N, C-alpha and C. Protein backbone atom coordinates (compact mmCIF):
# COMPACT_ATOMS: atom_id res chain seq x y z
N THR A 1 9.77 53.13 -9.00
CA THR A 1 9.05 52.99 -9.00
C THR A 1 8.84 53.82 -7.46
N ARG A 2 7.64 53.89 -7.55
CA ARG A 2 6.12 54.33 -6.71
C ARG A 2 7.19 53.07 -5.25
N ARG A 3 7.35 54.29 -3.89
CA ARG A 3 7.48 53.59 -2.99
C ARG A 3 6.50 53.89 -1.81
N SER A 4 7.11 53.82 -0.66
CA SER A 4 6.75 53.82 0.78
C SER A 4 5.37 54.03 1.29
N SER A 5 4.16 54.63 1.11
CA SER A 5 2.62 54.43 1.96
C SER A 5 1.95 53.88 0.32
N VAL A 6 2.68 53.91 -0.86
CA VAL A 6 2.31 52.94 -1.69
C VAL A 6 2.28 51.68 -1.04
N MET A 7 3.47 51.52 -1.59
CA MET A 7 3.52 50.03 -1.26
C MET A 7 3.51 49.40 0.78
N ALA A 8 3.59 50.80 0.69
CA ALA A 8 2.88 49.82 2.70
C ALA A 8 1.10 49.18 2.57
N ALA A 9 0.39 50.13 1.27
CA ALA A 9 -0.80 49.87 0.75
C ALA A 9 -1.43 48.84 -0.39
N LEU A 10 -0.52 48.52 -0.73
CA LEU A 10 -1.12 46.87 -1.76
C LEU A 10 -0.28 46.57 -0.84
N ALA A 11 0.62 46.25 0.25
CA ALA A 11 0.87 44.69 0.59
C ALA A 11 -0.31 44.67 1.57
N LEU A 12 -1.58 45.50 2.08
CA LEU A 12 -2.20 45.74 2.63
C LEU A 12 -3.29 45.10 1.82
N GLY A 13 -3.23 45.03 0.54
CA GLY A 13 -4.55 44.69 0.22
C GLY A 13 -4.99 46.38 0.44
N LEU A 14 -4.80 47.53 -0.09
CA LEU A 14 -5.87 48.11 0.75
C LEU A 14 -6.00 49.65 -1.81
N PRO A 15 -6.79 48.94 -1.57
CA PRO A 15 -7.15 50.31 -3.07
C PRO A 15 -6.14 51.35 -3.16
N VAL A 16 -5.98 51.47 -4.49
CA VAL A 16 -4.70 52.48 -4.24
C VAL A 16 -5.26 53.46 -5.93
N ILE A 17 -5.56 54.61 -4.93
CA ILE A 17 -5.93 55.32 -6.68
C ILE A 17 -4.50 57.21 -6.58
N THR A 18 -3.37 57.06 -7.75
CA THR A 18 -2.63 58.36 -7.77
C THR A 18 -2.28 58.55 -9.39
N THR A 19 -2.36 59.77 -9.25
CA THR A 19 -1.65 60.92 -10.53
C THR A 19 -0.52 59.96 -11.48
N ALA A 20 -0.80 59.66 -12.99
CA ALA A 20 0.09 59.71 -14.12
C ALA A 20 0.32 60.51 -14.09
N GLY A 21 2.07 60.18 -14.75
CA GLY A 21 2.04 61.35 -15.73
C GLY A 21 3.29 61.07 -16.40
N ALA A 22 4.15 61.84 -16.73
CA ALA A 22 5.29 61.48 -18.39
C ALA A 22 5.98 60.83 -17.54
N PHE A 23 6.84 60.04 -16.04
CA PHE A 23 7.49 59.29 -16.54
C PHE A 23 6.52 58.54 -15.21
N THR A 24 5.89 58.41 -14.84
CA THR A 24 4.66 56.81 -15.07
C THR A 24 5.33 55.33 -15.40
N GLU A 25 5.82 54.54 -14.36
CA GLU A 25 6.37 52.98 -16.36
C GLU A 25 4.81 52.80 -16.39
N PRO A 26 5.84 51.48 -17.41
CA PRO A 26 4.29 51.47 -18.28
C PRO A 26 3.75 50.07 -16.77
N LEU A 27 4.24 49.66 -16.43
CA LEU A 27 4.05 48.72 -15.19
C LEU A 27 2.65 49.13 -14.67
N TRP A 28 3.22 50.74 -14.17
CA TRP A 28 1.69 50.70 -13.69
C TRP A 28 -0.09 50.55 -13.91
N ARG A 29 0.64 51.02 -15.00
CA ARG A 29 -0.43 51.01 -16.85
C ARG A 29 -0.74 49.64 -16.51
N GLU A 30 -0.14 49.15 -16.59
CA GLU A 30 -0.43 47.23 -17.51
C GLU A 30 -1.06 46.11 -16.57
N SER A 31 -0.56 46.85 -15.44
CA SER A 31 -0.86 45.62 -14.40
C SER A 31 -2.35 45.77 -13.50
N GLU A 32 -3.21 47.76 -13.49
CA GLU A 32 -4.06 48.23 -13.71
C GLU A 32 -4.17 47.64 -11.91
N GLY A 33 -3.00 47.54 -11.20
CA GLY A 33 -2.65 47.30 -9.42
C GLY A 33 -2.83 48.23 -8.88
N VAL A 34 -2.70 49.55 -9.51
CA VAL A 34 -3.25 51.02 -9.08
C VAL A 34 -4.63 51.54 -10.29
N LEU A 35 -5.64 52.70 -9.29
CA LEU A 35 -6.21 53.47 -10.33
C LEU A 35 -5.55 54.31 -10.16
N LEU A 36 -5.13 54.84 -11.69
CA LEU A 36 -4.26 55.90 -12.43
C LEU A 36 -5.69 57.41 -13.20
N THR A 37 -4.99 58.31 -12.20
CA THR A 37 -5.83 59.52 -13.58
C THR A 37 -5.44 60.79 -13.63
N GLU A 38 -5.26 61.52 -14.16
CA GLU A 38 -4.90 62.92 -14.37
C GLU A 38 -4.94 63.69 -12.80
N LEU A 39 -4.17 64.74 -12.03
CA LEU A 39 -4.07 65.50 -11.73
C LEU A 39 -5.34 66.63 -12.23
N HIS A 40 -5.45 66.88 -13.58
CA HIS A 40 -6.01 68.18 -13.94
C HIS A 40 -7.32 68.07 -13.88
N GLY A 41 -8.41 69.10 -14.34
CA GLY A 41 -10.00 68.91 -13.71
C GLY A 41 -10.46 68.35 -13.10
N GLY A 42 -10.21 67.79 -12.04
CA GLY A 42 -11.00 67.64 -10.74
C GLY A 42 -11.06 65.86 -11.33
N LYS A 43 -9.89 65.23 -12.21
CA LYS A 43 -10.12 64.01 -12.27
C LYS A 43 -9.98 63.12 -11.47
N LEU A 44 -8.78 63.52 -10.44
CA LEU A 44 -8.69 63.04 -9.67
C LEU A 44 -9.59 62.71 -8.57
N ALA A 45 -10.64 63.58 -7.80
CA ALA A 45 -11.55 64.01 -7.16
C ALA A 45 -13.08 63.27 -7.55
N ALA A 46 -12.45 63.08 -9.30
CA ALA A 46 -14.33 62.56 -9.26
C ALA A 46 -13.55 61.18 -9.60
N ALA A 47 -12.59 60.98 -9.53
CA ALA A 47 -12.57 58.87 -9.54
C ALA A 47 -12.46 58.32 -7.69
N THR A 48 -11.82 59.15 -7.32
CA THR A 48 -11.89 58.76 -5.88
C THR A 48 -14.03 58.95 -5.01
N LEU A 49 -14.21 59.56 -5.93
CA LEU A 49 -15.17 58.92 -5.23
C LEU A 49 -16.15 58.69 -5.95
N ALA A 50 -16.06 57.84 -7.26
CA ALA A 50 -16.84 56.79 -8.33
C ALA A 50 -15.79 55.47 -6.94
N LEU A 51 -15.14 55.82 -6.67
CA LEU A 51 -13.97 54.39 -6.98
C LEU A 51 -15.15 53.70 -5.20
N LEU A 52 -15.78 55.08 -4.03
CA LEU A 52 -15.67 54.97 -2.82
C LEU A 52 -16.96 54.73 -2.31
N ARG A 53 -17.76 55.50 -3.90
CA ARG A 53 -19.05 54.96 -4.15
C ARG A 53 -19.73 53.47 -5.06
N GLY A 54 -18.16 52.78 -5.57
CA GLY A 54 -18.58 51.30 -5.69
C GLY A 54 -17.67 49.88 -4.87
N ASP A 55 -17.87 49.70 -4.22
CA ASP A 55 -18.00 48.58 -3.49
C ASP A 55 -16.68 46.95 -4.36
N ASP A 56 -17.60 46.87 -4.98
CA ASP A 56 -17.93 45.42 -6.21
C ASP A 56 -15.86 46.31 -6.83
N GLU A 57 -16.03 47.72 -7.57
CA GLU A 57 -14.53 48.04 -8.00
C GLU A 57 -13.52 48.46 -7.03
N ARG A 58 -13.61 48.99 -5.77
CA ARG A 58 -13.03 48.42 -4.64
C ARG A 58 -12.36 47.40 -4.31
N ALA A 59 -13.16 46.60 -4.40
CA ALA A 59 -12.52 45.30 -4.08
C ALA A 59 -11.07 44.49 -4.84
N ARG A 60 -11.80 44.85 -6.46
CA ARG A 60 -11.47 43.79 -7.09
C ARG A 60 -9.61 44.53 -7.45
N LEU A 61 -9.78 46.49 -7.20
CA LEU A 61 -9.07 47.35 -7.32
C LEU A 61 -7.64 46.31 -6.26
N ALA A 62 -8.63 46.47 -4.89
CA ALA A 62 -7.27 45.76 -4.04
C ALA A 62 -6.10 44.78 -4.05
N ALA A 63 -7.83 43.38 -4.43
CA ALA A 63 -6.98 42.10 -5.73
C ALA A 63 -6.21 42.75 -6.34
N ARG A 64 -6.38 43.39 -7.22
CA ARG A 64 -4.68 43.17 -8.44
C ARG A 64 -3.74 43.93 -7.45
N GLY A 65 -4.09 45.40 -6.76
CA GLY A 65 -2.76 45.21 -6.41
C GLY A 65 -1.74 44.58 -5.51
N ALA A 66 -2.61 43.91 -4.50
CA ALA A 66 -2.24 43.03 -3.13
C ALA A 66 -1.26 42.04 -4.74
N SER A 67 -2.12 41.54 -5.42
CA SER A 67 -1.09 40.59 -6.56
C SER A 67 0.21 41.26 -7.12
N LEU A 68 0.35 42.79 -7.50
CA LEU A 68 0.73 43.43 -8.10
C LEU A 68 2.42 43.00 -6.69
N TYR A 69 1.79 43.30 -6.18
CA TYR A 69 2.46 43.66 -4.43
C TYR A 69 3.73 42.52 -4.54
N ARG A 70 2.88 41.82 -4.37
CA ARG A 70 2.75 40.11 -4.15
C ARG A 70 4.29 39.85 -5.24
N SER A 71 4.05 39.44 -6.80
CA SER A 71 4.80 39.20 -8.02
C SER A 71 5.37 40.53 -7.78
N CYS A 72 5.71 42.17 -7.85
CA CYS A 72 6.66 42.73 -8.11
C CYS A 72 7.75 43.22 -6.64
N PHE A 73 6.71 42.88 -5.77
CA PHE A 73 7.90 43.93 -5.10
C PHE A 73 8.04 42.92 -3.64
N ALA A 74 7.41 41.92 -3.21
CA ALA A 74 7.47 42.10 -1.69
C ALA A 74 8.86 41.16 -1.91
N LEU A 75 9.92 41.07 -0.65
CA LEU A 75 11.06 40.14 -0.38
C LEU A 75 11.00 38.97 -0.63
N GLU A 76 10.16 38.36 -0.29
CA GLU A 76 10.70 37.23 0.03
C GLU A 76 10.58 36.63 -1.51
């Protein structure tokens, strides 16, 4: 599954937007802990702009991401 900077962002409670592809594990879609988008057709840019404008959704995404990190990836 995804590592490094994504794990750091989730652990710190920061909202994460990333692309989904053929090898994206179901965990990422099912948990809704990150915002998944396609890389094609400007969808990543559009999703990023929408999230930047939506304070409430950004906060919800950050909270879901932090919860996902604690439940699936935290070492404790």
